[in-house]
Amino acid sequence: ALCAAGRSAAEVRIVDADTVWVTVDLDFGCLFSAELRLARINAPEMNTPEGERARQELVRLLYEGPATFEIDVYGREKYGRYLADLIRTDKSVGHVGAVLNVNDWLVSGGFAKYV
């Protein structure tokens, strides 16, 4: 599950390879939903083969194995989405003992570019 400030996500929905919707359970029946735009990167559009491959890599990174994430938010962009880094903090996806910045991973794998 994605975590923000120690909270678990009740739902994560991938929009495309650089945008996700996350709903965080704040306890006491209170849920907070937000659209996150992965900061500093741009992935190909979904109507291209490259965009679909990038989206599939994000699916793998978010849903493979039990996953724990931190969300580092930098503010909002002109469309109101939160600009954020997703940091995978568990010890899977071939990074035993290390954290994985999902944004940087997508760039290093050729799935996105820095902007």
Protein backbone atom coordinates (compact mmCIF):
# COMPACT_ATOMS: atom_id res chain seq x y z
CA ALA A 1 0.00 0.00 0.00
CA LEU A 2 1.11 3.54 -0.60
CA CYS A 3 1.79 5.43 2.60
CA ALA A 4 1.72 9.15 3.32
CA ALA A 5 2.78 10.37 6.74
CA GLY A 6 2.40 6.86 8.09
CA ARG A 7 -1.00 6.31 6.51
CA SER A 8 -2.00 3.49 4.19
CA ALA A 9 -3.67 4.07 0.88
CA ALA A 10 -7.17 2.70 0.63
CA GLU A 11 -6.96 2.85 -3.16
CA VAL A 12 -4.39 3.62 -5.84
CA ARG A 13 -5.42 4.13 -9.46
CA ILE A 14 -2.92 4.66 -12.24
CA VAL A 15 -4.01 7.30 -14.76
CA ASP A 16 -0.93 7.07 -16.97
CA ALA A 17 2.81 6.57 -16.49
CA ASP A 18 3.31 9.87 -14.69
CA THR A 19 -0.04 10.41 -12.91
CA VAL A 20 -1.81 8.42 -10.17
CA TRP A 21 -4.87 8.94 -7.97
CA VAL A 22 -4.38 7.93 -4.37
CA THR A 23 -6.95 7.72 -1.59
CA VAL A 24 -5.40 7.79 1.87
CA ASP A 25 -7.22 6.51 4.95
CA LEU A 26 -6.81 9.16 7.68
CA ASP A 27 -8.67 7.04 10.27
CA PHE A 28 -12.04 7.76 11.87
CA GLY A 29 -13.79 7.13 8.55
CA CYS A 30 -12.01 10.06 6.90
CA LEU A 31 -10.52 9.51 3.44
CA PHE A 32 -8.40 11.98 1.45
CA SER A 33 -8.14 11.59 -2.34
CA ALA A 34 -5.61 13.39 -4.49
CA GLU A 35 -4.20 13.25 -7.98
CA LEU A 36 -0.41 13.00 -7.95
CA ARG A 37 1.73 14.05 -10.90
CA LEU A 38 5.15 12.44 -10.66
CA ALA A 39 7.55 15.37 -10.20
CA ARG A 40 10.40 16.22 -12.56
CA ILE A 41 9.45 13.66 -15.23
CA ASN A 42 7.31 13.30 -18.32
CA ALA A 43 6.24 9.96 -19.76
CA PRO A 44 4.96 9.32 -23.30
CA GLU A 45 1.23 9.68 -23.91
CA MET A 46 -0.95 6.61 -23.38
CA ASN A 47 -2.05 6.45 -27.03
CA THR A 48 1.48 5.38 -28.02
CA PRO A 49 3.22 2.01 -27.59
CA GLU A 50 5.91 3.75 -25.50
CA GLY A 51 3.25 5.23 -23.21
CA GLU A 52 1.64 1.85 -22.65
CA ARG A 53 5.05 0.27 -21.85
CA ALA A 54 5.76 3.07 -19.37
CA ARG A 55 2.36 2.56 -17.74
CA GLN A 56 2.99 -1.19 -17.45
CA GLU A 57 6.32 -0.51 -15.71
CA LEU A 58 4.55 1.79 -13.24
CA VAL A 59 1.96 -0.95 -12.62
CA ARG A 60 4.81 -3.38 -11.87
CA LEU A 61 6.53 -0.93 -9.52
CA LEU A 62 3.34 -0.11 -7.61
CA TYR A 63 1.74 -3.52 -7.35
CA GLU A 64 4.59 -6.07 -7.33
CA GLY A 65 4.91 -7.89 -4.01
CA PRO A 66 3.96 -6.25 -0.76
CA ALA A 67 4.95 -2.63 -1.39
CA THR A 68 5.45 0.30 0.94
CA PHE A 69 5.86 3.84 -0.36
CA GLU A 70 6.48 7.32 0.89
CA ILE A 71 5.06 10.30 -0.95
CA ASP A 72 7.21 13.45 -1.04
CA VAL A 73 5.00 16.35 -2.18
CA TYR A 74 6.55 19.54 -3.58
CA GLY A 75 3.41 21.60 -4.18
CA ARG A 76 0.82 21.82 -6.94
CA GLU A 77 1.09 22.37 -10.65
CA LYS A 78 -1.13 24.48 -12.91
CA TYR A 79 -3.82 21.77 -13.23
CA GLY A 80 -4.12 21.36 -9.45
CA ARG A 81 -2.33 18.02 -9.23
CA TYR A 82 0.16 17.49 -6.42
CA LEU A 83 3.75 17.23 -7.68
CA ALA A 84 5.32 14.31 -5.88
CA ASP A 85 8.10 11.76 -5.78
CA LEU A 86 7.04 8.20 -5.04
CA ILE A 87 9.68 6.44 -2.96
CA ARG A 88 9.41 2.66 -2.64
CA THR A 89 10.77 1.82 0.82
CA ASP A 90 10.40 -1.97 1.00
CA LYS A 91 13.17 -4.39 0.09
CA SER A 92 11.87 -5.79 -3.18
CA VAL A 93 12.03 -5.08 -6.92
CA GLY A 94 15.71 -6.09 -6.92
CA HIS A 95 16.77 -3.32 -4.54
CA VAL A 96 17.44 -5.25 -1.35
CA GLY A 97 18.28 -2.88 1.46
CA ALA A 98 17.72 0.24 -0.60
CA VAL A 99 14.94 2.66 -1.34
CA LEU A 100 13.75 3.21 -4.89
CA ASN A 101 12.63 6.56 -6.25
CA VAL A 102 9.95 5.51 -8.75
CA ASN A 103 10.27 8.78 -10.70
CA ASP A 104 14.02 8.30 -11.21
CA TRP A 105 13.58 4.59 -11.97
CA LEU A 106 11.16 5.39 -14.83
CA VAL A 107 13.76 7.75 -16.32
CA SER A 108 16.72 5.40 -15.86
CA GLY A 109 14.75 2.61 -17.53
CA GLY A 110 13.93 4.77 -20.53
CA PHE A 111 10.20 4.96 -19.68
CA ALA A 112 10.18 8.73 -19.03
CA LYS A 113 12.37 11.82 -19.39
CA TYR A 114 13.36 14.54 -16.96
CA VAL A 115 11.71 17.91 -17.53
